[in-house]
Amino acid sequence: MRLGTPVTRLVCADDGTVVGVMLGSETLAASTVVVAAGTGSTALCASAGFVLPMVSSPSVMVRLQAPVGIVTGIVANDLFEARQSRDGMVLMPVDHDGESSMAALTRIGEAAQRLFVESFTGAAETRLVGVDIGWRPMLADGDPSVGYTGVPGLYVAVAHPGVTLASVIGDAVADEILTHETRAELALFEPR
C-alpha cells in the first residue's frame, strides 16, 4: 500500500487479467487489485475493460468547527445530517440544488451553521469553516458494487456510504479475497 500516490491505470496481462496498478511510471504488481476509488473508480475499471455504471451525484459539504463532543456518532433526521471528528470538525452534507456561485454556497453554509447552533446545546461558538461541492459515488441501480467483476484479478468496492461503512466493507472484502468464499452479506452487491 502506498498512501498519497495516485493510481493512473490498471495493468493487465496479455490475457486480460489485472496484474497490478500503474503509479506514475512505476508498476506495482498484485494478484488481486481492489478498486475503491469512489468517483474515480469508473476510469480505473475502464482501463481494464470493465464498465462500472456510475452516475455521480453532487452534494454540498458544509464544514463547521464546533466545541469538541457536541455530536457523538452520526445524527441524521429530516432536517440535517451531521458527524463530528475528534478535533471538533463537523461535516454536514446538504442537498445540491444547482448552486454554483461561492455566494450561494456561503449562504447554504451559513444556514447550516444556524441550524446546527439551534439544534445543539453548547454549540453557540460554532463557526463556518468551508463549503464545497463534492461528488458522491452513486451507481446507476442505486446499490453498492462490491465483489469480483468477471475480469480476472479485478475486485471493486464502491458505495455511496463507502466512508461510513469502510471498516465493515473492508473486513468483508479482505475475508472474501483471502478465503475465496463469497460472503453472504456481499452477494447482493456483486458487480453486474
N, C-alpha and C. Protein backbone atom coordinates (compact mmCIF):
# COMPACT_ATOMS: atom_id res chain seq x y z
N MET A 1 0.84 -1.17 0.00
CA MET A 1 0.00 0.00 0.00
C MET A 1 0.89 1.23 0.00
N ARG A 2 0.51 2.19 -0.82
CA ARG A 2 1.24 3.46 -0.89
C ARG A 2 0.24 4.59 -0.74
N LEU A 3 0.25 5.25 0.37
CA LEU A 3 -0.67 6.35 0.59
C LEU A 3 -0.19 7.60 -0.13
N GLY A 4 -1.14 8.34 -0.69
CA GLY A 4 -0.82 9.60 -1.34
C GLY A 4 -0.22 9.47 -2.72
N THR A 5 -0.20 8.27 -3.28
CA THR A 5 0.34 8.06 -4.62
C THR A 5 -0.81 7.69 -5.55
N PRO A 6 -1.16 8.55 -6.49
CA PRO A 6 -2.32 8.25 -7.34
C PRO A 6 -2.05 7.10 -8.31
N VAL A 7 -3.04 6.24 -8.44
CA VAL A 7 -3.00 5.16 -9.43
C VAL A 7 -3.53 5.76 -10.72
N THR A 8 -2.77 5.62 -11.81
CA THR A 8 -3.19 6.20 -13.08
C THR A 8 -3.97 5.23 -13.95
N ARG A 9 -3.72 3.93 -13.78
CA ARG A 9 -4.47 2.92 -14.53
C ARG A 9 -4.18 1.55 -13.96
N LEU A 10 -4.99 0.57 -14.38
CA LEU A 10 -4.75 -0.82 -14.01
C LEU A 10 -3.85 -1.44 -15.06
N VAL A 11 -3.04 -2.40 -14.66
CA VAL A 11 -2.13 -3.09 -15.57
C VAL A 11 -2.69 -4.47 -15.83
N CYS A 12 -2.78 -4.83 -17.11
CA CYS A 12 -3.33 -6.13 -17.50
C CYS A 12 -2.30 -6.97 -18.24
N ALA A 13 -2.37 -8.28 -18.01
CA ALA A 13 -1.55 -9.23 -18.76
C ALA A 13 -2.17 -9.39 -20.15
N ASP A 14 -1.46 -10.08 -21.03
CA ASP A 14 -1.95 -10.28 -22.40
C ASP A 14 -3.32 -10.94 -22.45
N ASP A 15 -3.63 -11.79 -21.46
CA ASP A 15 -4.93 -12.48 -21.45
C ASP A 15 -6.04 -11.65 -20.81
N GLY A 16 -5.75 -10.40 -20.41
CA GLY A 16 -6.76 -9.52 -19.83
C GLY A 16 -6.82 -9.54 -18.32
N THR A 17 -6.07 -10.43 -17.67
CA THR A 17 -6.05 -10.49 -16.21
C THR A 17 -5.41 -9.24 -15.64
N VAL A 18 -6.05 -8.64 -14.64
CA VAL A 18 -5.46 -7.48 -13.97
C VAL A 18 -4.35 -8.00 -13.07
N VAL A 19 -3.14 -7.47 -13.27
CA VAL A 19 -1.97 -7.96 -12.54
C VAL A 19 -1.27 -6.89 -11.71
N GLY A 20 -1.87 -5.69 -11.68
CA GLY A 20 -1.26 -4.63 -10.88
C GLY A 20 -1.83 -3.28 -11.22
N VAL A 21 -1.15 -2.25 -10.70
CA VAL A 21 -1.56 -0.87 -10.95
C VAL A 21 -0.35 -0.06 -11.38
N MET A 22 -0.61 0.99 -12.13
CA MET A 22 0.44 1.90 -12.57
C MET A 22 0.42 3.12 -11.65
N LEU A 23 1.57 3.38 -11.02
CA LEU A 23 1.76 4.55 -10.16
C LEU A 23 2.75 5.46 -10.87
N GLY A 24 2.24 6.41 -11.63
CA GLY A 24 3.14 7.24 -12.43
C GLY A 24 3.82 6.36 -13.47
N SER A 25 5.14 6.21 -13.38
CA SER A 25 5.87 5.35 -14.31
C SER A 25 6.23 4.00 -13.69
N GLU A 26 5.77 3.75 -12.48
CA GLU A 26 6.09 2.51 -11.77
C GLU A 26 4.89 1.57 -11.72
N THR A 27 5.14 0.28 -11.96
CA THR A 27 4.10 -0.73 -11.85
C THR A 27 4.21 -1.42 -10.51
N LEU A 28 3.08 -1.52 -9.82
CA LEU A 28 3.01 -2.24 -8.55
C LEU A 28 2.18 -3.49 -8.82
N ALA A 29 2.82 -4.66 -8.72
CA ALA A 29 2.16 -5.93 -9.04
C ALA A 29 1.25 -6.38 -7.91
N ALA A 30 0.18 -7.09 -8.28
CA ALA A 30 -0.76 -7.63 -7.29
C ALA A 30 -1.50 -8.81 -7.89
N SER A 31 -1.84 -9.77 -7.05
CA SER A 31 -2.64 -10.90 -7.54
C SER A 31 -4.11 -10.52 -7.64
N THR A 32 -4.56 -9.61 -6.81
CA THR A 32 -5.91 -9.05 -6.88
C THR A 32 -5.81 -7.56 -6.63
N VAL A 33 -6.43 -6.78 -7.49
CA VAL A 33 -6.48 -5.33 -7.32
C VAL A 33 -7.89 -4.97 -6.88
N VAL A 34 -7.98 -4.26 -5.76
CA VAL A 34 -9.27 -3.77 -5.27
C VAL A 34 -9.38 -2.30 -5.65
N VAL A 35 -10.39 -1.99 -6.45
CA VAL A 35 -10.65 -0.60 -6.82
C VAL A 35 -11.74 -0.08 -5.88
N ALA A 36 -11.35 0.87 -5.04
CA ALA A 36 -12.26 1.50 -4.08
C ALA A 36 -11.97 3.00 -4.10
N ALA A 37 -12.11 3.59 -5.28
CA ALA A 37 -11.69 4.97 -5.50
C ALA A 37 -12.86 5.92 -5.68
N GLY A 38 -14.01 5.59 -5.12
CA GLY A 38 -15.16 6.47 -5.23
C GLY A 38 -15.47 6.81 -6.67
N THR A 39 -15.65 8.09 -6.97
CA THR A 39 -16.00 8.50 -8.33
C THR A 39 -14.88 8.25 -9.33
N GLY A 40 -13.66 8.03 -8.86
CA GLY A 40 -12.55 7.70 -9.75
C GLY A 40 -12.52 6.24 -10.17
N SER A 41 -13.39 5.44 -9.60
CA SER A 41 -13.40 4.00 -9.89
C SER A 41 -13.78 3.69 -11.33
N THR A 42 -14.67 4.49 -11.92
CA THR A 42 -15.12 4.23 -13.29
C THR A 42 -13.95 4.24 -14.26
N ALA A 43 -13.11 5.26 -14.19
CA ALA A 43 -11.97 5.37 -15.12
C ALA A 43 -10.96 4.26 -14.88
N LEU A 44 -10.69 3.93 -13.62
CA LEU A 44 -9.73 2.86 -13.34
C LEU A 44 -10.25 1.53 -13.88
N CYS A 45 -11.52 1.23 -13.65
CA CYS A 45 -12.09 -0.03 -14.15
C CYS A 45 -12.08 -0.06 -15.68
N ALA A 46 -12.37 1.08 -16.30
CA ALA A 46 -12.37 1.14 -17.77
C ALA A 46 -11.00 0.81 -18.34
N SER A 47 -9.93 1.12 -17.61
CA SER A 47 -8.58 0.83 -18.12
C SER A 47 -8.33 -0.67 -18.19
N ALA A 48 -9.21 -1.48 -17.58
CA ALA A 48 -9.11 -2.94 -17.67
C ALA A 48 -10.29 -3.51 -18.47
N GLY A 49 -11.05 -2.64 -19.10
CA GLY A 49 -12.16 -3.10 -19.93
C GLY A 49 -13.45 -3.40 -19.18
N PHE A 50 -13.54 -3.01 -17.91
CA PHE A 50 -14.76 -3.25 -17.14
C PHE A 50 -15.55 -1.96 -17.02
N VAL A 51 -16.84 -2.04 -17.35
CA VAL A 51 -17.71 -0.87 -17.28
C VAL A 51 -18.41 -0.85 -15.92
N LEU A 52 -18.13 0.17 -15.14
CA LEU A 52 -18.78 0.37 -13.84
C LEU A 52 -19.80 1.49 -14.04
N PRO A 53 -21.10 1.17 -14.00
CA PRO A 53 -22.14 2.15 -14.35
C PRO A 53 -22.37 3.20 -13.27
N MET A 54 -21.50 4.19 -13.24
CA MET A 54 -21.54 5.23 -12.21
C MET A 54 -22.34 6.44 -12.70
N VAL A 55 -23.18 6.96 -11.84
CA VAL A 55 -23.90 8.21 -12.11
C VAL A 55 -23.68 9.11 -10.89
N SER A 56 -22.53 9.72 -10.82
CA SER A 56 -22.16 10.52 -9.65
C SER A 56 -23.20 11.58 -9.34
N SER A 57 -23.38 11.84 -8.07
CA SER A 57 -24.39 12.78 -7.61
C SER A 57 -23.73 13.89 -6.79
N PRO A 58 -24.03 15.17 -7.11
CA PRO A 58 -23.41 16.25 -6.35
C PRO A 58 -24.05 16.44 -4.98
N SER A 59 -23.26 16.92 -4.06
CA SER A 59 -23.72 17.25 -2.72
C SER A 59 -22.91 18.45 -2.24
N VAL A 60 -23.54 19.27 -1.44
CA VAL A 60 -22.82 20.39 -0.83
C VAL A 60 -22.31 19.92 0.52
N MET A 61 -21.01 20.05 0.77
CA MET A 61 -20.44 19.65 2.05
C MET A 61 -20.09 20.90 2.85
N VAL A 62 -20.78 21.05 3.96
CA VAL A 62 -20.53 22.18 4.86
C VAL A 62 -19.61 21.69 5.98
N ARG A 63 -18.54 22.46 6.23
CA ARG A 63 -17.61 22.13 7.32
C ARG A 63 -17.70 23.22 8.38
N LEU A 64 -17.96 22.77 9.61
CA LEU A 64 -18.07 23.68 10.75
C LEU A 64 -17.04 23.29 11.79
N GLN A 65 -16.54 24.26 12.53
CA GLN A 65 -15.69 23.98 13.70
C GLN A 65 -16.55 24.25 14.92
N ALA A 66 -16.76 23.21 15.73
CA ALA A 66 -17.63 23.31 16.90
C ALA A 66 -16.87 22.82 18.13
N PRO A 67 -17.35 23.15 19.31
CA PRO A 67 -16.73 22.59 20.51
C PRO A 67 -16.72 21.06 20.44
N VAL A 68 -15.63 20.47 20.86
CA VAL A 68 -15.47 19.01 20.80
C VAL A 68 -16.56 18.32 21.62
N GLY A 69 -17.09 17.23 21.05
CA GLY A 69 -18.04 16.39 21.78
C GLY A 69 -19.50 16.78 21.67
N ILE A 70 -19.81 17.75 20.83
CA ILE A 70 -21.22 18.14 20.68
C ILE A 70 -22.00 17.05 19.97
N VAL A 71 -21.42 16.46 18.93
CA VAL A 71 -22.09 15.39 18.19
C VAL A 71 -21.34 14.09 18.48
N THR A 72 -22.05 13.11 18.95
CA THR A 72 -21.45 11.78 19.15
C THR A 72 -22.14 10.83 18.18
N GLY A 73 -21.37 10.21 17.33
CA GLY A 73 -21.95 9.35 16.30
C GLY A 73 -22.40 10.18 15.11
N ILE A 74 -23.37 9.65 14.39
CA ILE A 74 -23.93 10.35 13.23
C ILE A 74 -25.36 10.75 13.58
N VAL A 75 -25.67 12.02 13.37
CA VAL A 75 -27.03 12.49 13.57
C VAL A 75 -27.65 12.63 12.19
N ALA A 76 -28.77 11.96 11.96
CA ALA A 76 -29.47 12.05 10.69
C ALA A 76 -30.96 12.14 10.98
N ASN A 77 -31.57 13.22 10.55
CA ASN A 77 -33.00 13.39 10.75
C ASN A 77 -33.59 14.09 9.53
N ASP A 78 -34.84 14.50 9.60
CA ASP A 78 -35.49 15.13 8.46
C ASP A 78 -34.90 16.50 8.11
N LEU A 79 -34.20 17.13 9.05
CA LEU A 79 -33.67 18.47 8.82
C LEU A 79 -32.22 18.48 8.36
N PHE A 80 -31.39 17.57 8.89
CA PHE A 80 -29.97 17.60 8.55
C PHE A 80 -29.29 16.30 8.94
N GLU A 81 -28.06 16.18 8.46
CA GLU A 81 -27.16 15.10 8.84
C GLU A 81 -25.87 15.76 9.32
N ALA A 82 -25.28 15.22 10.37
CA ALA A 82 -24.03 15.78 10.88
C ALA A 82 -23.20 14.71 11.56
N ARG A 83 -21.90 14.83 11.43
CA ARG A 83 -20.95 13.98 12.16
C ARG A 83 -19.78 14.85 12.55
N GLN A 84 -19.18 14.53 13.69
CA GLN A 84 -18.09 15.36 14.21
C GLN A 84 -16.86 14.50 14.46
N SER A 85 -15.70 15.02 14.06
CA SER A 85 -14.44 14.33 14.32
C SER A 85 -13.93 14.70 15.72
N ARG A 86 -12.90 14.03 16.15
CA ARG A 86 -12.35 14.25 17.50
C ARG A 86 -11.83 15.66 17.72
N ASP A 87 -11.44 16.34 16.63
CA ASP A 87 -10.91 17.70 16.77
C ASP A 87 -12.00 18.77 16.72
N GLY A 88 -13.26 18.34 16.65
CA GLY A 88 -14.38 19.27 16.64
C GLY A 88 -14.94 19.60 15.27
N MET A 89 -14.26 19.17 14.19
CA MET A 89 -14.74 19.45 12.84
C MET A 89 -16.05 18.71 12.60
N VAL A 90 -17.06 19.44 12.15
CA VAL A 90 -18.38 18.87 11.86
C VAL A 90 -18.57 18.87 10.34
N LEU A 91 -19.00 17.74 9.81
CA LEU A 91 -19.35 17.64 8.39
C LEU A 91 -20.86 17.56 8.30
N MET A 92 -21.44 18.42 7.48
CA MET A 92 -22.88 18.44 7.26
C MET A 92 -23.15 18.43 5.75
N PRO A 93 -23.46 17.27 5.17
CA PRO A 93 -23.83 17.24 3.76
C PRO A 93 -25.22 17.84 3.57
N VAL A 94 -25.38 18.62 2.52
CA VAL A 94 -26.64 19.29 2.21
C VAL A 94 -26.96 19.00 0.75
N ASP A 95 -28.25 18.83 0.43
CA ASP A 95 -28.63 18.59 -0.96
C ASP A 95 -28.16 19.73 -1.85
N HIS A 96 -27.70 19.36 -3.04
CA HIS A 96 -27.25 20.33 -4.03
C HIS A 96 -28.44 20.66 -4.92
N ASP A 97 -28.79 21.92 -5.01
CA ASP A 97 -29.92 22.35 -5.84
C ASP A 97 -29.45 23.21 -7.01
N GLY A 98 -28.25 22.97 -7.49
CA GLY A 98 -27.73 23.69 -8.64
C GLY A 98 -26.89 24.90 -8.30
N GLU A 99 -26.64 25.14 -7.02
CA GLU A 99 -25.82 26.29 -6.63
C GLU A 99 -24.43 26.17 -7.26
N SER A 100 -23.96 27.28 -7.81
CA SER A 100 -22.63 27.24 -8.41
C SER A 100 -21.75 28.40 -7.97
N SER A 101 -22.35 29.47 -7.50
CA SER A 101 -21.52 30.61 -7.09
C SER A 101 -21.07 30.44 -5.64
N MET A 102 -19.95 31.05 -5.33
CA MET A 102 -19.44 30.99 -3.96
C MET A 102 -20.41 31.67 -3.01
N ALA A 103 -21.07 32.73 -3.46
CA ALA A 103 -22.03 33.43 -2.61
C ALA A 103 -23.20 32.51 -2.25
N ALA A 104 -23.70 31.75 -3.22
CA ALA A 104 -24.81 30.82 -2.96
C ALA A 104 -24.37 29.72 -2.01
N LEU A 105 -23.16 29.20 -2.21
CA LEU A 105 -22.65 28.15 -1.32
C LEU A 105 -22.44 28.69 0.09
N THR A 106 -21.96 29.92 0.19
CA THR A 106 -21.76 30.52 1.52
C THR A 106 -23.10 30.67 2.24
N ARG A 107 -24.14 31.07 1.52
CA ARG A 107 -25.48 31.18 2.14
C ARG A 107 -25.94 29.82 2.67
N ILE A 108 -25.69 28.76 1.92
CA ILE A 108 -26.05 27.42 2.38
C ILE A 108 -25.27 27.08 3.65
N GLY A 109 -23.98 27.39 3.65
CA GLY A 109 -23.15 27.12 4.83
C GLY A 109 -23.62 27.89 6.05
N GLU A 110 -23.97 29.14 5.85
CA GLU A 110 -24.44 29.96 6.97
C GLU A 110 -25.77 29.44 7.51
N ALA A 111 -26.65 28.99 6.63
CA ALA A 111 -27.94 28.43 7.07
C ALA A 111 -27.71 27.13 7.84
N ALA A 112 -26.77 26.30 7.36
CA ALA A 112 -26.45 25.05 8.07
C ALA A 112 -25.85 25.35 9.44
N GLN A 113 -25.00 26.36 9.50
CA GLN A 113 -24.41 26.74 10.79
C GLN A 113 -25.50 27.17 11.78
N ARG A 114 -26.43 28.00 11.33
CA ARG A 114 -27.53 28.44 12.21
C ARG A 114 -28.35 27.25 12.69
N LEU A 115 -28.67 26.34 11.78
CA LEU A 115 -29.45 25.15 12.15
C LEU A 115 -28.70 24.31 13.17
N PHE A 116 -27.39 24.16 12.97
CA PHE A 116 -26.57 23.38 13.90
C PHE A 116 -26.58 24.03 15.29
N VAL A 117 -26.35 25.33 15.34
CA VAL A 117 -26.31 26.05 16.62
C VAL A 117 -27.65 25.96 17.34
N GLU A 118 -28.75 26.07 16.58
CA GLU A 118 -30.09 25.98 17.17
C GLU A 118 -30.42 24.57 17.65
N SER A 119 -29.76 23.57 17.09
CA SER A 119 -30.11 22.17 17.37
C SER A 119 -29.34 21.55 18.52
N PHE A 120 -28.18 22.13 18.88
CA PHE A 120 -27.33 21.51 19.89
C PHE A 120 -27.01 22.47 21.03
N THR A 121 -27.16 22.00 22.24
CA THR A 121 -26.77 22.77 23.42
C THR A 121 -25.25 22.90 23.43
N GLY A 122 -24.76 24.09 23.69
CA GLY A 122 -23.31 24.32 23.77
C GLY A 122 -22.65 24.58 22.43
N ALA A 123 -23.46 24.78 21.37
CA ALA A 123 -22.89 24.96 20.03
C ALA A 123 -22.80 26.42 19.59
N ALA A 124 -23.04 27.36 20.49
CA ALA A 124 -23.10 28.78 20.13
C ALA A 124 -21.82 29.30 19.48
N GLU A 125 -20.67 28.75 19.83
CA GLU A 125 -19.40 29.24 19.28
C GLU A 125 -18.99 28.55 17.98
N THR A 126 -19.88 27.76 17.42
CA THR A 126 -19.60 27.07 16.16
C THR A 126 -19.40 28.08 15.04
N ARG A 127 -18.36 27.85 14.23
CA ARG A 127 -18.10 28.77 13.11
C ARG A 127 -18.01 27.99 11.80
N LEU A 128 -18.37 28.66 10.74
CA LEU A 128 -18.31 28.09 9.40
C LEU A 128 -16.87 28.07 8.93
N VAL A 129 -16.39 26.91 8.50
CA VAL A 129 -15.01 26.76 8.04
C VAL A 129 -14.95 26.72 6.52
N GLY A 130 -15.90 26.05 5.89
CA GLY A 130 -15.86 25.95 4.44
C GLY A 130 -17.09 25.28 3.87
N VAL A 131 -17.30 25.50 2.57
CA VAL A 131 -18.41 24.90 1.85
C VAL A 131 -17.89 24.51 0.47
N ASP A 132 -18.10 23.27 0.08
CA ASP A 132 -17.64 22.78 -1.22
C ASP A 132 -18.71 21.91 -1.85
N ILE A 133 -18.62 21.73 -3.15
CA ILE A 133 -19.45 20.75 -3.84
C ILE A 133 -18.61 19.49 -3.99
N GLY A 134 -19.15 18.39 -3.55
CA GLY A 134 -18.46 17.11 -3.68
C GLY A 134 -19.30 16.16 -4.52
N TRP A 135 -18.68 15.10 -4.99
CA TRP A 135 -19.38 14.13 -5.84
C TRP A 135 -19.45 12.79 -5.13
N ARG A 136 -20.68 12.31 -4.95
CA ARG A 136 -20.91 11.03 -4.29
C ARG A 136 -20.88 9.92 -5.33
N PRO A 137 -20.19 8.82 -5.03
CA PRO A 137 -20.17 7.70 -5.98
C PRO A 137 -21.48 6.93 -5.94
N MET A 138 -22.37 7.22 -6.87
CA MET A 138 -23.66 6.54 -6.94
C MET A 138 -23.65 5.67 -8.19
N LEU A 139 -24.04 4.42 -8.03
CA LEU A 139 -24.14 3.54 -9.18
C LEU A 139 -25.53 3.66 -9.78
N ALA A 140 -25.65 3.33 -11.07
CA ALA A 140 -26.90 3.53 -11.80
C ALA A 140 -28.09 2.86 -11.13
N ASP A 141 -27.90 1.69 -10.52
CA ASP A 141 -29.03 0.99 -9.89
C ASP A 141 -29.25 1.42 -8.44
N GLY A 142 -28.40 2.31 -7.93
CA GLY A 142 -28.55 2.80 -6.57
C GLY A 142 -27.90 1.94 -5.51
N ASP A 143 -27.47 0.75 -5.86
CA ASP A 143 -26.85 -0.17 -4.91
C ASP A 143 -25.33 -0.03 -4.92
N PRO A 144 -24.66 -0.45 -3.85
CA PRO A 144 -23.20 -0.55 -3.88
C PRO A 144 -22.77 -1.59 -4.91
N SER A 145 -21.53 -1.56 -5.30
CA SER A 145 -20.95 -2.58 -6.17
C SER A 145 -19.72 -3.11 -5.45
N VAL A 146 -19.82 -4.33 -4.91
CA VAL A 146 -18.74 -4.91 -4.13
C VAL A 146 -18.57 -6.36 -4.54
N GLY A 147 -17.40 -6.69 -5.12
CA GLY A 147 -17.13 -8.07 -5.49
C GLY A 147 -16.23 -8.18 -6.69
N TYR A 148 -15.99 -9.43 -7.10
CA TYR A 148 -15.21 -9.69 -8.31
C TYR A 148 -16.02 -9.26 -9.52
N THR A 149 -15.33 -8.75 -10.51
CA THR A 149 -16.01 -8.14 -11.65
C THR A 149 -16.24 -9.07 -12.83
N GLY A 150 -15.61 -10.19 -12.86
CA GLY A 150 -15.62 -11.02 -14.05
C GLY A 150 -14.33 -10.83 -14.84
N VAL A 151 -13.62 -9.74 -14.61
CA VAL A 151 -12.28 -9.55 -15.16
C VAL A 151 -11.34 -10.16 -14.14
N PRO A 152 -10.61 -11.22 -14.52
CA PRO A 152 -9.73 -11.87 -13.54
C PRO A 152 -8.78 -10.87 -12.87
N GLY A 153 -8.68 -10.97 -11.55
CA GLY A 153 -7.78 -10.11 -10.79
C GLY A 153 -8.36 -8.77 -10.39
N LEU A 154 -9.60 -8.46 -10.79
CA LEU A 154 -10.20 -7.16 -10.50
C LEU A 154 -11.39 -7.30 -9.57
N TYR A 155 -11.32 -6.60 -8.45
CA TYR A 155 -12.36 -6.59 -7.43
C TYR A 155 -12.73 -5.14 -7.19
N VAL A 156 -14.02 -4.83 -7.11
CA VAL A 156 -14.43 -3.45 -6.84
C VAL A 156 -15.16 -3.36 -5.51
N ALA A 157 -15.03 -2.22 -4.87
CA ALA A 157 -15.74 -1.92 -3.63
C ALA A 157 -16.12 -0.44 -3.68
N VAL A 158 -17.29 -0.18 -4.25
CA VAL A 158 -17.74 1.20 -4.44
C VAL A 158 -19.15 1.33 -3.89
N ALA A 159 -19.34 2.29 -3.00
CA ALA A 159 -20.65 2.52 -2.40
C ALA A 159 -20.78 3.98 -2.01
N HIS A 160 -21.99 4.52 -2.12
CA HIS A 160 -22.20 5.91 -1.68
C HIS A 160 -21.83 6.07 -0.21
N PRO A 161 -22.24 5.16 0.67
CA PRO A 161 -21.84 5.33 2.08
C PRO A 161 -20.49 4.68 2.36
N GLY A 162 -19.60 4.68 1.36
CA GLY A 162 -18.32 3.99 1.49
C GLY A 162 -17.47 4.43 2.66
N VAL A 163 -17.39 5.72 2.91
CA VAL A 163 -16.57 6.20 4.03
C VAL A 163 -17.18 5.75 5.35
N THR A 164 -18.49 5.87 5.46
CA THR A 164 -19.17 5.48 6.69
C THR A 164 -19.03 3.99 6.95
N LEU A 165 -19.11 3.19 5.90
CA LEU A 165 -19.08 1.73 6.04
C LEU A 165 -17.72 1.12 5.73
N ALA A 166 -16.70 1.94 5.59
CA ALA A 166 -15.39 1.46 5.15
C ALA A 166 -14.85 0.31 5.98
N SER A 167 -14.93 0.38 7.28
CA SER A 167 -14.36 -0.69 8.10
C SER A 167 -15.14 -1.99 7.94
N VAL A 168 -16.45 -1.91 7.85
CA VAL A 168 -17.27 -3.11 7.68
C VAL A 168 -17.05 -3.72 6.30
N ILE A 169 -17.11 -2.87 5.27
CA ILE A 169 -16.90 -3.36 3.91
C ILE A 169 -15.48 -3.90 3.77
N GLY A 170 -14.50 -3.18 4.30
CA GLY A 170 -13.10 -3.62 4.21
C GLY A 170 -12.86 -4.97 4.84
N ASP A 171 -13.42 -5.22 6.02
CA ASP A 171 -13.28 -6.53 6.66
C ASP A 171 -13.88 -7.63 5.81
N ALA A 172 -15.09 -7.38 5.29
CA ALA A 172 -15.76 -8.40 4.47
C ALA A 172 -15.00 -8.66 3.18
N VAL A 173 -14.51 -7.59 2.54
CA VAL A 173 -13.74 -7.73 1.30
C VAL A 173 -12.46 -8.52 1.54
N ALA A 174 -11.72 -8.18 2.59
CA ALA A 174 -10.47 -8.89 2.90
C ALA A 174 -10.75 -10.37 3.13
N ASP A 175 -11.80 -10.67 3.88
CA ASP A 175 -12.15 -12.06 4.14
C ASP A 175 -12.51 -12.78 2.85
N GLU A 176 -13.29 -12.14 2.00
CA GLU A 176 -13.70 -12.76 0.75
C GLU A 176 -12.50 -13.04 -0.16
N ILE A 177 -11.58 -12.10 -0.24
CA ILE A 177 -10.40 -12.29 -1.10
C ILE A 177 -9.47 -13.36 -0.53
N LEU A 178 -9.26 -13.35 0.77
CA LEU A 178 -8.33 -14.31 1.39
C LEU A 178 -8.88 -15.73 1.44
N THR A 179 -10.20 -15.89 1.62
CA THR A 179 -10.78 -17.23 1.73
C THR A 179 -11.31 -17.76 0.40
N HIS A 180 -11.44 -16.89 -0.59
CA HIS A 180 -12.01 -17.26 -1.89
C HIS A 180 -13.44 -17.76 -1.75
N GLU A 181 -14.13 -17.29 -0.71
CA GLU A 181 -15.53 -17.66 -0.49
C GLU A 181 -16.37 -16.39 -0.48
N THR A 182 -17.49 -16.42 -1.22
CA THR A 182 -18.37 -15.26 -1.28
C THR A 182 -19.06 -15.06 0.06
N ARG A 183 -18.98 -13.85 0.56
CA ARG A 183 -19.66 -13.51 1.81
C ARG A 183 -21.14 -13.25 1.51
N ALA A 184 -22.01 -13.84 2.30
CA ALA A 184 -23.45 -13.70 2.08
C ALA A 184 -23.88 -12.24 2.05
N GLU A 185 -23.32 -11.42 2.94
CA GLU A 185 -23.74 -10.01 3.00
C GLU A 185 -23.26 -9.20 1.80
N LEU A 186 -22.32 -9.72 1.04
CA LEU A 186 -21.85 -9.02 -0.16
C LEU A 186 -22.47 -9.56 -1.44
N ALA A 187 -23.05 -10.75 -1.38
CA ALA A 187 -23.56 -11.41 -2.59
C ALA A 187 -24.56 -10.55 -3.36
N LEU A 188 -25.39 -9.81 -2.65
CA LEU A 188 -26.39 -8.96 -3.32
C LEU A 188 -25.76 -7.82 -4.11
N PHE A 189 -24.51 -7.50 -3.80
CA PHE A 189 -23.89 -6.31 -4.38
C PHE A 189 -22.80 -6.64 -5.40
N GLU A 190 -22.77 -7.91 -5.86
CA GLU A 190 -21.76 -8.28 -6.86
C GLU A 190 -21.93 -7.41 -8.10
N PRO A 191 -20.83 -6.96 -8.67
CA PRO A 191 -20.92 -6.11 -9.87
C PRO A 191 -21.68 -6.81 -10.99
N ARG A 192 -22.50 -6.01 -11.66
CA ARG A 192 -23.30 -6.57 -12.77
C ARG A 192 -22.84 -6.00 -14.07
